[in-house]
Amino acid sequence: MKKEEPSDPVVVVFSTFPDSVIARQIGTDLVKSQLAACVNITRGVESIYRWKGKVETAEEALAIFKTRESILDLLVPRLREAHPYDEPEIIALPVVAGSSGYLNWVRESTSGKRW
């Protein structure tokens, strides 16, 4: 496993959605626009949270976007605008290590080059 290169770090962005259909629509848009290399969607995530003074629970879908730190300023506003929640979860975490081939693929897939 290769330690991530700091010059153009890969990040993962987590966001929950009311269902997998919406997550898939937004994820597809972000991959087509090359703001994300890949999106994994998991269904049936149970969320427990405080909202407007009450503890709530909801079944949601979790989407994990793979992208580069240098284009977060493009991805985040697009995700926020398309997201149906008033205050969507959008959390970016650094990738500290990974398969060099995969990390390079993420960079290439979000480079803006058309194949």
Protein backbone atom coordinates (compact mmCIF):
# COMPACT_ATOMS: atom_id res chain seq x y z
CA MET A 1 0.00 0.00 0.00
CA LYS A 2 1.37 3.36 -1.06
CA LYS A 3 1.31 6.44 1.14
CA GLU A 4 -0.78 9.14 -0.58
CA GLU A 5 1.12 11.84 -2.49
CA PRO A 6 0.46 15.30 -1.05
CA SER A 7 0.72 17.10 -4.43
CA ASP A 8 -2.84 16.18 -5.49
CA PRO A 9 -4.37 14.17 -2.64
CA VAL A 10 -7.28 11.84 -3.16
CA VAL A 11 -10.20 12.34 -0.78
CA VAL A 12 -13.43 10.51 -0.06
CA VAL A 13 -16.63 12.48 0.44
CA PHE A 14 -19.49 11.04 2.47
CA SER A 15 -23.09 12.13 2.00
CA THR A 16 -26.37 10.55 3.07
CA PHE A 17 -29.53 10.67 0.96
CA PRO A 18 -33.20 9.83 1.56
CA ASP A 19 -32.88 6.87 -0.82
CA SER A 20 -30.57 5.18 -3.30
CA VAL A 21 -32.45 6.51 -6.34
CA ILE A 22 -31.56 10.12 -5.51
CA ALA A 23 -28.01 9.13 -4.51
CA ARG A 24 -27.61 7.33 -7.85
CA GLN A 25 -28.91 10.31 -9.87
CA ILE A 26 -26.58 12.79 -8.18
CA GLY A 27 -23.66 10.34 -8.17
CA THR A 28 -24.07 9.66 -11.89
CA ASP A 29 -24.09 13.40 -12.61
CA LEU A 30 -20.88 13.94 -10.62
CA VAL A 31 -19.10 11.01 -12.32
CA LYS A 32 -20.24 12.15 -15.80
CA SER A 33 -18.94 15.65 -15.07
CA GLN A 34 -15.64 14.14 -13.84
CA LEU A 35 -15.97 15.66 -10.38
CA ALA A 36 -15.95 12.14 -8.91
CA ALA A 37 -14.16 9.07 -10.23
CA CYS A 38 -16.47 6.64 -8.49
CA VAL A 39 -19.46 6.62 -6.18
CA ASN A 40 -20.37 3.72 -3.90
CA ILE A 41 -23.94 3.65 -2.62
CA THR A 42 -25.04 1.61 0.36
CA ARG A 43 -28.73 1.21 1.12
CA GLY A 44 -30.40 0.70 4.43
CA VAL A 45 -28.17 2.92 6.54
CA GLU A 46 -29.91 3.74 9.81
CA SER A 47 -29.18 7.28 10.95
CA ILE A 48 -29.84 8.62 14.45
CA TYR A 49 -29.45 12.37 14.74
CA ARG A 50 -30.66 15.50 16.49
CA TRP A 51 -32.65 17.87 14.29
CA LYS A 52 -34.50 20.96 15.47
CA GLY A 53 -34.22 19.89 19.11
CA LYS A 54 -35.52 16.34 18.64
CA VAL A 55 -33.75 13.01 18.29
CA GLU A 56 -34.76 11.53 14.95
CA THR A 57 -34.11 8.29 13.10
CA ALA A 58 -34.25 7.64 9.38
CA GLU A 59 -33.32 4.97 6.90
CA GLU A 60 -31.02 6.51 4.32
CA ALA A 61 -28.56 5.64 1.57
CA LEU A 62 -24.89 6.52 2.08
CA ALA A 63 -22.86 7.63 -0.93
CA ILE A 64 -19.07 7.64 -0.90
CA PHE A 65 -17.50 9.79 -3.62
CA LYS A 66 -13.83 9.39 -4.63
CA THR A 67 -12.25 12.58 -5.89
CA ARG A 68 -9.27 14.92 -5.56
CA GLU A 69 -8.87 17.56 -2.89
CA SER A 70 -8.10 20.18 -5.54
CA ILE A 71 -11.62 19.93 -7.03
CA LEU A 72 -13.63 19.87 -3.81
CA ASP A 73 -14.48 23.52 -4.39
CA LEU A 74 -16.31 22.38 -7.56
CA LEU A 75 -17.85 19.16 -6.24
CA VAL A 76 -19.22 20.44 -2.92
CA PRO A 77 -21.40 23.30 -4.28
CA ARG A 78 -22.74 21.04 -7.04
CA LEU A 79 -23.57 18.32 -4.52
CA ARG A 80 -25.17 20.84 -2.13
CA GLU A 81 -27.29 22.37 -4.91
CA ALA A 82 -28.57 18.99 -6.13
CA HIS A 83 -29.12 17.52 -2.66
CA PRO A 84 -32.72 17.37 -1.38
CA TYR A 85 -31.85 17.97 2.30
CA ASP A 86 -31.88 21.45 3.84
CA GLU A 87 -28.52 20.77 5.46
CA PRO A 88 -26.88 17.79 3.73
CA GLU A 89 -24.05 15.81 5.22
CA ILE A 90 -20.99 16.55 3.11
CA ILE A 91 -17.82 15.35 4.81
CA ALA A 92 -14.47 15.05 3.04
CA LEU A 93 -11.77 12.84 4.50
CA PRO A 94 -8.20 12.49 3.26
CA VAL A 95 -6.94 9.21 1.88
CA VAL A 96 -3.65 8.64 3.67
CA ALA A 97 -2.64 5.51 1.77
CA GLY A 98 -3.92 3.24 -0.96
CA SER A 99 -3.17 1.23 -4.06
CA SER A 100 -1.06 3.47 -6.31
CA GLY A 101 -2.90 2.24 -9.40
CA TYR A 102 -6.29 3.05 -7.89
CA LEU A 103 -5.19 6.47 -6.63
CA ASN A 104 -3.81 7.30 -10.08
CA TRP A 105 -7.07 6.14 -11.66
CA VAL A 106 -9.04 8.51 -9.39
CA ARG A 107 -6.76 11.38 -10.43
CA GLU A 108 -7.02 10.53 -14.14
CA SER A 109 -10.80 10.06 -13.98
CA THR A 110 -11.27 13.50 -12.45
CA SER A 111 -8.70 15.32 -14.58
CA GLY A 112 -11.19 16.68 -17.09
CA LYS A 113 -9.63 14.76 -19.98
CA ARG A 114 -12.10 13.08 -22.30
CA TRP A 115 -11.29 9.55 -23.47
